[in-house]
Amino acid sequence: MRPRWLLNENFPMPSVKRLRATGWEVLAVAESAASAADPAVMALAREQGRWLATFDRDYGELVFRQGFAPPPLILLLRVQTYQPGEPAAWIEALYAEGQFLERHFHIFDGRTIRRRPFLGP
């Protein structure tokens, strides 16, 4: 069974629609909780057991420096320029390749992925 995603407000809508069209269960912050603060977004992902995808670097700060409890997985997309449908293609490809590990913070730069385990229980 594929994971459920929470896509942060900065996630492009063409990618949201593409993921839904290919059978992913996706909740988009832009549709359901626009302008929500990062801690609230992370709490929503955690409470619903969703993997969180974002372009916002603040989530690493929240988890590793401020000690906020993370959701099962965070994917930070650190890509400067891209077409609006590409983030969905990246998620699909990374998932198909088995690149995601729960209880890890993932950083994808468009070519490679790095992972850092969450601290604590």
N, C-alpha and C. Protein backbone atom coordinates (compact mmCIF):
# COMPACT_ATOMS: atom_id res chain seq x y z
N MET A 1 0.84 -1.19 0.00
CA MET A 1 0.00 0.00 0.00
C MET A 1 0.89 1.25 0.00
N ARG A 2 0.61 2.15 -0.90
CA ARG A 2 1.40 3.38 -1.00
C ARG A 2 1.06 4.34 0.13
N PRO A 3 2.03 5.15 0.53
CA PRO A 3 1.79 6.11 1.61
C PRO A 3 0.86 7.23 1.16
N ARG A 4 0.29 7.88 2.14
CA ARG A 4 -0.52 9.07 1.88
C ARG A 4 0.39 10.28 2.06
N TRP A 5 0.25 11.27 1.20
CA TRP A 5 1.11 12.46 1.21
C TRP A 5 0.35 13.68 1.70
N LEU A 6 1.08 14.56 2.37
CA LEU A 6 0.64 15.93 2.62
C LEU A 6 1.63 16.80 1.85
N LEU A 7 1.13 17.53 0.89
CA LEU A 7 1.97 18.37 0.04
C LEU A 7 1.86 19.81 0.52
N ASN A 8 2.98 20.38 0.89
CA ASN A 8 3.00 21.72 1.45
C ASN A 8 2.45 22.75 0.47
N GLU A 9 2.14 23.90 0.99
CA GLU A 9 1.49 24.96 0.20
C GLU A 9 2.29 25.36 -1.04
N ASN A 10 3.60 25.21 -1.00
CA ASN A 10 4.44 25.62 -2.12
C ASN A 10 4.55 24.53 -3.20
N PHE A 11 3.85 23.44 -3.04
CA PHE A 11 3.89 22.35 -4.01
C PHE A 11 3.01 22.72 -5.20
N PRO A 12 3.52 22.62 -6.44
CA PRO A 12 2.74 23.06 -7.60
C PRO A 12 1.48 22.21 -7.85
N MET A 13 0.38 22.89 -8.12
CA MET A 13 -0.89 22.20 -8.33
C MET A 13 -0.86 21.19 -9.50
N PRO A 14 -0.14 21.44 -10.60
CA PRO A 14 -0.09 20.39 -11.63
C PRO A 14 0.49 19.08 -11.10
N SER A 15 1.43 19.16 -10.17
CA SER A 15 1.98 17.95 -9.57
C SER A 15 0.98 17.31 -8.61
N VAL A 16 0.23 18.12 -7.87
CA VAL A 16 -0.81 17.59 -6.99
C VAL A 16 -1.81 16.79 -7.83
N LYS A 17 -2.25 17.39 -8.92
CA LYS A 17 -3.23 16.73 -9.79
C LYS A 17 -2.67 15.47 -10.44
N ARG A 18 -1.41 15.51 -10.83
CA ARG A 18 -0.79 14.33 -11.45
C ARG A 18 -0.72 13.17 -10.46
N LEU A 19 -0.31 13.46 -9.23
CA LEU A 19 -0.23 12.39 -8.24
C LEU A 19 -1.61 11.79 -7.99
N ARG A 20 -2.61 12.62 -7.87
CA ARG A 20 -3.98 12.11 -7.67
C ARG A 20 -4.43 11.27 -8.86
N ALA A 21 -4.12 11.74 -10.07
CA ALA A 21 -4.54 11.03 -11.28
C ALA A 21 -3.89 9.66 -11.40
N THR A 22 -2.72 9.50 -10.78
CA THR A 22 -2.03 8.21 -10.85
C THR A 22 -2.26 7.37 -9.59
N GLY A 23 -3.26 7.75 -8.78
CA GLY A 23 -3.71 6.90 -7.69
C GLY A 23 -3.15 7.18 -6.31
N TRP A 24 -2.38 8.24 -6.16
CA TRP A 24 -1.85 8.59 -4.84
C TRP A 24 -2.94 9.29 -4.03
N GLU A 25 -2.95 9.05 -2.74
CA GLU A 25 -3.85 9.75 -1.83
C GLU A 25 -3.10 10.97 -1.33
N VAL A 26 -3.57 12.14 -1.73
CA VAL A 26 -2.84 13.39 -1.52
C VAL A 26 -3.74 14.42 -0.87
N LEU A 27 -3.20 15.08 0.15
CA LEU A 27 -3.84 16.24 0.75
C LEU A 27 -2.92 17.42 0.48
N ALA A 28 -3.45 18.46 -0.15
CA ALA A 28 -2.66 19.64 -0.50
C ALA A 28 -2.97 20.76 0.48
N VAL A 29 -1.94 21.28 1.13
CA VAL A 29 -2.11 22.37 2.09
C VAL A 29 -2.76 23.58 1.41
N ALA A 30 -2.41 23.83 0.16
CA ALA A 30 -2.98 24.98 -0.56
C ALA A 30 -4.50 24.90 -0.65
N GLU A 31 -5.04 23.71 -0.63
CA GLU A 31 -6.49 23.52 -0.74
C GLU A 31 -7.18 23.44 0.63
N SER A 32 -6.50 22.88 1.60
CA SER A 32 -7.18 22.56 2.86
C SER A 32 -6.75 23.41 4.05
N ALA A 33 -5.56 23.98 4.00
CA ALA A 33 -5.06 24.73 5.16
C ALA A 33 -4.14 25.86 4.70
N ALA A 34 -4.56 26.60 3.70
CA ALA A 34 -3.72 27.67 3.15
C ALA A 34 -3.26 28.62 4.25
N SER A 35 -2.02 29.02 4.16
CA SER A 35 -1.38 29.94 5.10
C SER A 35 -1.14 29.35 6.49
N ALA A 36 -1.28 28.05 6.63
CA ALA A 36 -1.00 27.42 7.92
C ALA A 36 0.49 27.54 8.23
N ALA A 37 0.82 27.73 9.48
CA ALA A 37 2.21 27.82 9.91
C ALA A 37 2.87 26.44 9.79
N ASP A 38 4.18 26.44 9.58
CA ASP A 38 4.92 25.19 9.39
C ASP A 38 4.70 24.18 10.53
N PRO A 39 4.73 24.59 11.81
CA PRO A 39 4.48 23.60 12.86
C PRO A 39 3.09 22.96 12.75
N ALA A 40 2.10 23.74 12.34
CA ALA A 40 0.75 23.20 12.18
C ALA A 40 0.68 22.21 11.01
N VAL A 41 1.39 22.52 9.94
CA VAL A 41 1.44 21.60 8.79
C VAL A 41 2.11 20.30 9.21
N MET A 42 3.20 20.40 9.92
CA MET A 42 3.91 19.20 10.35
C MET A 42 3.04 18.39 11.32
N ALA A 43 2.34 19.05 12.21
CA ALA A 43 1.45 18.35 13.14
C ALA A 43 0.33 17.63 12.39
N LEU A 44 -0.23 18.27 11.38
CA LEU A 44 -1.27 17.64 10.58
C LEU A 44 -0.75 16.37 9.90
N ALA A 45 0.44 16.45 9.31
CA ALA A 45 1.04 15.28 8.67
C ALA A 45 1.27 14.18 9.70
N ARG A 46 1.77 14.54 10.85
CA ARG A 46 2.04 13.56 11.90
C ARG A 46 0.75 12.91 12.39
N GLU A 47 -0.26 13.72 12.70
CA GLU A 47 -1.53 13.21 13.22
C GLU A 47 -2.23 12.29 12.23
N GLN A 48 -2.09 12.57 10.94
CA GLN A 48 -2.75 11.75 9.92
C GLN A 48 -1.83 10.66 9.35
N GLY A 49 -0.60 10.59 9.85
CA GLY A 49 0.32 9.57 9.38
C GLY A 49 0.74 9.75 7.93
N ARG A 50 0.80 11.00 7.49
CA ARG A 50 1.14 11.30 6.10
C ARG A 50 2.62 11.63 5.94
N TRP A 51 3.15 11.29 4.80
CA TRP A 51 4.49 11.73 4.42
C TRP A 51 4.36 13.17 3.94
N LEU A 52 5.29 14.02 4.32
CA LEU A 52 5.26 15.45 4.00
C LEU A 52 6.28 15.79 2.92
N ALA A 53 5.83 16.43 1.85
CA ALA A 53 6.73 16.90 0.80
C ALA A 53 6.66 18.42 0.76
N THR A 54 7.83 19.06 0.66
CA THR A 54 7.90 20.51 0.71
C THR A 54 9.12 21.03 -0.04
N PHE A 55 9.08 22.30 -0.36
CA PHE A 55 10.23 23.02 -0.88
C PHE A 55 10.79 23.95 0.20
N ASP A 56 10.22 23.91 1.38
CA ASP A 56 10.53 24.82 2.49
C ASP A 56 11.60 24.22 3.39
N ARG A 57 12.74 24.85 3.48
CA ARG A 57 13.87 24.35 4.28
C ARG A 57 13.63 24.45 5.79
N ASP A 58 12.62 25.18 6.20
CA ASP A 58 12.37 25.38 7.63
C ASP A 58 12.04 24.08 8.37
N TYR A 59 11.59 23.06 7.67
CA TYR A 59 11.20 21.82 8.34
C TYR A 59 12.39 21.11 8.98
N GLY A 60 13.54 21.18 8.37
CA GLY A 60 14.74 20.61 8.98
C GLY A 60 15.07 21.31 10.28
N GLU A 61 14.95 22.62 10.28
CA GLU A 61 15.17 23.42 11.49
C GLU A 61 14.19 23.01 12.59
N LEU A 62 12.92 22.86 12.23
CA LEU A 62 11.91 22.49 13.22
C LEU A 62 12.20 21.13 13.85
N VAL A 63 12.59 20.17 13.04
CA VAL A 63 12.81 18.81 13.53
C VAL A 63 14.13 18.69 14.28
N PHE A 64 15.21 19.14 13.67
CA PHE A 64 16.54 18.85 14.22
C PHE A 64 17.06 19.88 15.22
N ARG A 65 16.59 21.10 15.14
CA ARG A 65 17.08 22.12 16.08
C ARG A 65 16.07 22.49 17.14
N GLN A 66 14.78 22.49 16.74
CA GLN A 66 13.76 22.89 17.70
C GLN A 66 13.05 21.70 18.34
N GLY A 67 13.30 20.50 17.85
CA GLY A 67 12.77 19.30 18.49
C GLY A 67 11.31 18.99 18.25
N PHE A 68 10.71 19.57 17.21
CA PHE A 68 9.32 19.24 16.90
C PHE A 68 9.22 17.78 16.48
N ALA A 69 8.17 17.12 16.93
CA ALA A 69 7.94 15.73 16.54
C ALA A 69 7.60 15.68 15.05
N PRO A 70 8.31 14.85 14.28
CA PRO A 70 8.09 14.81 12.84
C PRO A 70 6.98 13.85 12.44
N PRO A 71 6.50 13.99 11.21
CA PRO A 71 5.61 12.98 10.64
C PRO A 71 6.45 11.75 10.27
N PRO A 72 5.86 10.72 9.70
CA PRO A 72 6.62 9.52 9.38
C PRO A 72 7.81 9.74 8.44
N LEU A 73 7.72 10.74 7.57
CA LEU A 73 8.78 11.00 6.59
C LEU A 73 8.63 12.44 6.10
N ILE A 74 9.76 13.10 5.87
CA ILE A 74 9.74 14.44 5.25
C ILE A 74 10.64 14.39 4.03
N LEU A 75 10.13 14.94 2.94
CA LEU A 75 10.89 15.07 1.70
C LEU A 75 11.05 16.55 1.39
N LEU A 76 12.29 17.03 1.45
CA LEU A 76 12.60 18.41 1.08
C LEU A 76 13.12 18.40 -0.35
N LEU A 77 12.45 19.12 -1.22
CA LEU A 77 12.86 19.23 -2.61
C LEU A 77 13.69 20.51 -2.75
N ARG A 78 14.97 20.34 -2.97
CA ARG A 78 15.89 21.49 -3.09
C ARG A 78 16.29 21.66 -4.54
N VAL A 79 15.32 22.00 -5.35
CA VAL A 79 15.53 22.18 -6.78
C VAL A 79 15.10 23.61 -7.11
N GLN A 80 15.99 24.36 -7.72
CA GLN A 80 15.71 25.77 -7.97
C GLN A 80 14.75 26.02 -9.12
N THR A 81 14.97 25.34 -10.23
CA THR A 81 14.10 25.52 -11.39
C THR A 81 13.57 24.17 -11.83
N TYR A 82 12.29 24.16 -12.18
CA TYR A 82 11.64 22.91 -12.58
C TYR A 82 10.31 23.26 -13.25
N GLN A 83 9.80 22.31 -13.99
CA GLN A 83 8.48 22.44 -14.58
C GLN A 83 7.44 22.03 -13.53
N PRO A 84 6.24 22.59 -13.55
CA PRO A 84 5.26 22.32 -12.49
C PRO A 84 4.88 20.85 -12.29
N GLY A 85 5.02 20.04 -13.31
CA GLY A 85 4.69 18.62 -13.17
C GLY A 85 5.84 17.75 -12.69
N GLU A 86 7.04 18.30 -12.65
CA GLU A 86 8.21 17.50 -12.29
C GLU A 86 8.23 16.98 -10.85
N PRO A 87 7.80 17.75 -9.86
CA PRO A 87 7.84 17.20 -8.50
C PRO A 87 7.05 15.88 -8.37
N ALA A 88 5.94 15.77 -9.04
CA ALA A 88 5.18 14.51 -9.01
C ALA A 88 6.00 13.39 -9.62
N ALA A 89 6.66 13.66 -10.74
CA ALA A 89 7.49 12.64 -11.39
C ALA A 89 8.63 12.22 -10.48
N TRP A 90 9.23 13.17 -9.76
CA TRP A 90 10.31 12.82 -8.83
C TRP A 90 9.81 11.89 -7.74
N ILE A 91 8.66 12.23 -7.14
CA ILE A 91 8.10 11.40 -6.08
C ILE A 91 7.82 10.00 -6.60
N GLU A 92 7.20 9.91 -7.75
CA GLU A 92 6.88 8.60 -8.32
C GLU A 92 8.14 7.78 -8.58
N ALA A 93 9.15 8.40 -9.15
CA ALA A 93 10.39 7.69 -9.46
C ALA A 93 11.13 7.27 -8.19
N LEU A 94 11.24 8.18 -7.24
CA LEU A 94 11.94 7.85 -6.00
C LEU A 94 11.23 6.73 -5.25
N TYR A 95 9.92 6.76 -5.24
CA TYR A 95 9.16 5.70 -4.58
C TYR A 95 9.36 4.37 -5.30
N ALA A 96 9.28 4.38 -6.62
CA ALA A 96 9.46 3.15 -7.40
C ALA A 96 10.86 2.56 -7.20
N GLU A 97 11.84 3.41 -6.99
CA GLU A 97 13.23 2.96 -6.77
C GLU A 97 13.49 2.54 -5.31
N GLY A 98 12.50 2.68 -4.45
CA GLY A 98 12.68 2.31 -3.05
C GLY A 98 13.59 3.26 -2.28
N GLN A 99 13.57 4.53 -2.66
CA GLN A 99 14.48 5.52 -2.06
C GLN A 99 14.00 6.10 -0.73
N PHE A 100 12.74 5.89 -0.38
CA PHE A 100 12.21 6.50 0.84
C PHE A 100 12.33 5.57 2.03
N LEU A 101 12.74 6.13 3.16
CA LEU A 101 12.82 5.40 4.43
C LEU A 101 12.02 6.17 5.47
N GLU A 102 11.06 5.51 6.09
CA GLU A 102 10.32 6.18 7.14
C GLU A 102 11.26 6.54 8.29
N ARG A 103 10.85 7.55 9.08
CA ARG A 103 11.63 8.09 10.19
C ARG A 103 12.93 8.72 9.71
N HIS A 104 12.89 9.27 8.48
CA HIS A 104 14.04 9.96 7.90
C HIS A 104 13.60 11.27 7.24
N PHE A 105 14.51 12.22 7.27
CA PHE A 105 14.38 13.48 6.55
C PHE A 105 15.15 13.29 5.24
N HIS A 106 14.49 13.47 4.11
CA HIS A 106 15.09 13.27 2.79
C HIS A 106 15.30 14.61 2.11
N ILE A 107 16.42 14.75 1.46
CA ILE A 107 16.72 15.96 0.68
C ILE A 107 17.03 15.52 -0.74
N PHE A 108 16.21 15.99 -1.67
CA PHE A 108 16.38 15.64 -3.08
C PHE A 108 16.74 16.89 -3.86
N ASP A 109 17.84 16.83 -4.62
CA ASP A 109 18.31 18.01 -5.36
C ASP A 109 18.03 17.94 -6.86
N GLY A 110 17.21 16.98 -7.26
CA GLY A 110 16.90 16.82 -8.69
C GLY A 110 17.68 15.68 -9.31
N ARG A 111 18.76 15.27 -8.64
CA ARG A 111 19.58 14.16 -9.13
C ARG A 111 19.84 13.11 -8.05
N THR A 112 20.19 13.57 -6.87
CA THR A 112 20.55 12.65 -5.80
C THR A 112 19.68 12.91 -4.57
N ILE A 113 19.64 11.89 -3.72
CA ILE A 113 18.86 12.00 -2.49
C ILE A 113 19.78 11.71 -1.31
N ARG A 114 19.63 12.53 -0.26
CA ARG A 114 20.34 12.30 0.99
C ARG A 114 19.29 12.08 2.07
N ARG A 115 19.66 11.31 3.07
CA ARG A 115 18.73 11.02 4.16
C ARG A 115 19.41 11.26 5.50
N ARG A 116 18.61 11.71 6.44
CA ARG A 116 19.09 11.87 7.82
C ARG A 116 18.00 11.31 8.72
N PRO A 117 18.36 10.37 9.60
CA PRO A 117 17.33 9.78 10.48
C PRO A 117 16.83 10.80 11.50
N PHE A 118 15.55 10.67 11.83
CA PHE A 118 15.00 11.48 12.91
C PHE A 118 15.60 11.01 14.23
N LEU A 119 15.76 11.89 15.16
CA LEU A 119 16.29 11.56 16.47
C LEU A 119 15.15 11.12 17.39
N GLY A 120 15.48 10.42 18.43
CA GLY A 120 14.48 10.05 19.42
C GLY A 120 13.77 8.76 19.09
N PRO A 121 12.76 8.43 19.92
CA PRO A 121 12.04 7.16 19.77
C PRO A 121 11.21 7.08 18.51
